[in-house]
Amino acid sequence: MAALTIVKEKDYPKLNAILFGEGIVNDAVSILIFETIVNVFSKGTKHEGISGGELGMALVHFIYLSFASIGIGILFGITSAIVTKRVSTLK
């Protein structure tokens, strides 16, 4: 997101949009990884290492959260497109 402060939106609108999107994706992935680690590895037990089963569960949880987030985003995108189309035709 620091690169956004250098690029002016009115001078380079496409570059600004690309950098903004990249920053949002990075934030989303960070949140997904954090949620995965908290849910899979915070069972309240102390142990020396991470087992293969825990890594597998973390991967499954990460993929599940990713697809669920993408699905919710698509659902909201389609809904907002339909609402915008209906509202703009009322004028």
C-alpha atoms as a PDB file:
ATOM      1  CA  MET A   1       0.000   0.000   0.000  1.00  0.00           C
ATOM      2  CA  ALA A   2       2.998   2.311   0.363  1.00  0.00           C
ATOM      3  CA  ALA A   3       3.332   2.449  -3.431  1.00  0.00           C
ATOM      4  CA  LEU A   4      -0.152   3.995  -3.590  1.00  0.00           C
ATOM      5  CA  THR A   5       1.136   7.124  -1.891  1.00  0.00           C
ATOM      6  CA  ILE A   6       3.604   7.688  -4.735  1.00  0.00           C
ATOM      7  CA  VAL A   7       1.211   7.091  -7.660  1.00  0.00           C
ATOM      8  CA  LYS A   8      -1.365   9.832  -8.179  1.00  0.00           C
ATOM      9  CA  GLU A   9      -4.801   8.506  -9.082  1.00  0.00           C
ATOM     10  CA  LYS A  10      -5.690  11.197 -11.607  1.00  0.00           C
ATOM     11  CA  ASP A  11      -2.346  10.863 -13.442  1.00  0.00           C
ATOM     12  CA  TYR A  12      -2.208   7.045 -13.565  1.00  0.00           C
ATOM     13  CA  PRO A  13      -5.693   5.629 -12.878  1.00  0.00           C
ATOM     14  CA  LYS A  14      -4.970   2.078 -14.135  1.00  0.00           C
ATOM     15  CA  LEU A  15      -1.714   1.753 -12.207  1.00  0.00           C
ATOM     16  CA  ASN A  16      -3.433   3.081  -9.107  1.00  0.00           C
ATOM     17  CA  ALA A  17      -6.230   0.515  -9.475  1.00  0.00           C
ATOM     18  CA  ILE A  18      -3.720  -2.322  -9.932  1.00  0.00           C
ATOM     19  CA  LEU A  19      -1.709  -1.290  -6.884  1.00  0.00           C
ATOM     20  CA  PHE A  20      -4.855  -0.877  -4.800  1.00  0.00           C
ATOM     21  CA  GLY A  21      -6.132  -4.314  -5.832  1.00  0.00           C
ATOM     22  CA  GLU A  22      -2.774  -5.900  -5.060  1.00  0.00           C
ATOM     23  CA  GLY A  23      -2.781  -4.336  -1.613  1.00  0.00           C
ATOM     24  CA  ILE A  24      -6.318  -5.562  -0.914  1.00  0.00           C
ATOM     25  CA  VAL A  25      -5.427  -9.106  -2.011  1.00  0.00           C
ATOM     26  CA  ASN A  26      -2.359  -9.074   0.252  1.00  0.00           C
ATOM     27  CA  ASP A  27      -4.503  -7.948   3.184  1.00  0.00           C
ATOM     28  CA  ALA A  28      -7.094 -10.643   2.484  1.00  0.00           C
ATOM     29  CA  VAL A  29      -4.475 -13.395   2.292  1.00  0.00           C
ATOM     30  CA  SER A  30      -2.912 -12.171   5.541  1.00  0.00           C
ATOM     31  CA  ILE A  31      -6.285 -12.345   7.272  1.00  0.00           C
ATOM     32  CA  LEU A  32      -6.918 -15.853   5.892  1.00  0.00           C
ATOM     33  CA  ILE A  33      -3.524 -17.104   7.052  1.00  0.00           C
ATOM     34  CA  PHE A  34      -4.028 -15.569  10.506  1.00  0.00           C
ATOM     35  CA  GLU A  35      -7.487 -17.127  10.865  1.00  0.00           C
ATOM     36  CA  THR A  36      -6.131 -20.492   9.747  1.00  0.00           C
ATOM     37  CA  ILE A  37      -3.289 -20.407  12.249  1.00  0.00           C
ATOM     38  CA  VAL A  38      -5.560 -19.335  15.090  1.00  0.00           C
ATOM     39  CA  ASN A  39      -8.199 -21.983  14.340  1.00  0.00           C
ATOM     40  CA  VAL A  40      -5.889 -24.914  13.622  1.00  0.00           C
ATOM     41  CA  PHE A  41      -2.919 -24.375  15.913  1.00  0.00           C
ATOM     42  CA  SER A  42      -4.496 -22.846  19.029  1.00  0.00           C
ATOM     43  CA  LYS A  43      -5.965 -25.934  20.628  1.00  0.00           C
ATOM     44  CA  GLY A  44      -4.593 -24.966  24.027  1.00  0.00           C
ATOM     45  CA  THR A  45      -2.025 -27.749  24.108  1.00  0.00           C
ATOM     46  CA  LYS A  46       1.688 -27.097  24.175  1.00  0.00           C
ATOM     47  CA  HIS A  47       3.845 -29.267  21.979  1.00  0.00           C
ATOM     48  CA  GLU A  48       7.275 -29.138  20.437  1.00  0.00           C
ATOM     49  CA  GLY A  49       6.425 -29.231  16.734  1.00  0.00           C
ATOM     50  CA  ILE A  50       3.752 -29.246  14.102  1.00  0.00           C
ATOM     51  CA  SER A  51       2.491 -32.598  12.884  1.00  0.00           C
ATOM     52  CA  GLY A  52       1.632 -33.465   9.312  1.00  0.00           C
ATOM     53  CA  GLY A  53      -2.022 -33.734  10.242  1.00  0.00           C
ATOM     54  CA  GLU A  54      -2.028 -30.201  11.590  1.00  0.00           C
ATOM     55  CA  LEU A  55      -0.396 -28.908   8.419  1.00  0.00           C
ATOM     56  CA  GLY A  56      -2.981 -30.759   6.352  1.00  0.00           C
ATOM     57  CA  MET A  57      -5.819 -29.309   8.407  1.00  0.00           C
ATOM     58  CA  ALA A  58      -4.302 -25.837   8.056  1.00  0.00           C
ATOM     59  CA  LEU A  59      -4.150 -26.230   4.279  1.00  0.00           C
ATOM     60  CA  VAL A  60      -7.733 -27.502   4.101  1.00  0.00           C
ATOM     61  CA  HIS A  61      -8.919 -24.668   6.354  1.00  0.00           C
ATOM     62  CA  PHE A  62      -7.058 -22.068   4.255  1.00  0.00           C
ATOM     63  CA  ILE A  63      -8.537 -23.393   1.000  1.00  0.00           C
ATOM     64  CA  TYR A  64     -12.023 -23.511   2.542  1.00  0.00           C
ATOM     65  CA  LEU A  65     -11.771 -19.911   3.764  1.00  0.00           C
ATOM     66  CA  SER A  66     -10.412 -18.801   0.391  1.00  0.00           C
ATOM     67  CA  PHE A  67     -13.256 -20.331  -1.606  1.00  0.00           C
ATOM     68  CA  ALA A  68     -15.862 -19.168   0.896  1.00  0.00           C
ATOM     69  CA  SER A  69     -14.526 -15.601   0.712  1.00  0.00           C
ATOM     70  CA  ILE A  70     -14.452 -15.658  -3.091  1.00  0.00           C
ATOM     71  CA  GLY A  71     -18.007 -17.042  -3.170  1.00  0.00           C
ATOM     72  CA  ILE A  72     -19.277 -14.326  -0.836  1.00  0.00           C
ATOM     73  CA  GLY A  73     -17.514 -11.684  -2.941  1.00  0.00           C
ATOM     74  CA  ILE A  74     -19.089 -13.007  -6.145  1.00  0.00           C
ATOM     75  CA  LEU A  75     -22.515 -13.134  -4.494  1.00  0.00           C
ATOM     76  CA  PHE A  76     -22.274  -9.526  -3.295  1.00  0.00           C
ATOM     77  CA  GLY A  77     -20.873  -8.412  -6.672  1.00  0.00           C
ATOM     78  CA  ILE A  78     -23.741  -9.962  -8.615  1.00  0.00           C
ATOM     79  CA  THR A  79     -26.292  -8.598  -6.147  1.00  0.00           C
ATOM     80  CA  SER A  80     -24.875  -5.076  -6.354  1.00  0.00           C
ATOM     81  CA  ALA A  81     -24.776  -5.268 -10.175  1.00  0.00           C
ATOM     82  CA  ILE A  82     -28.444  -6.295 -10.302  1.00  0.00           C
ATOM     83  CA  VAL A  83     -29.473  -3.600  -7.825  1.00  0.00           C
ATOM     84  CA  THR A  84     -27.467  -0.955  -9.709  1.00  0.00           C
ATOM     85  CA  LYS A  85     -29.027  -2.012 -13.014  1.00  0.00           C
ATOM     86  CA  ARG A  86     -32.555  -1.839 -11.564  1.00  0.00           C
ATOM     87  CA  VAL A  87     -32.005   1.515  -9.864  1.00  0.00           C
ATOM     88  CA  SER A  88     -30.375   3.122 -12.923  1.00  0.00           C
ATOM     89  CA  THR A  89     -33.278   2.083 -15.177  1.00  0.00           C
ATOM     90  CA  LEU A  90     -35.798   3.784 -12.856  1.00  0.00           C
ATOM     91  CA  LYS A  91     -34.618   7.269 -13.869  1.00  0.00           C
END
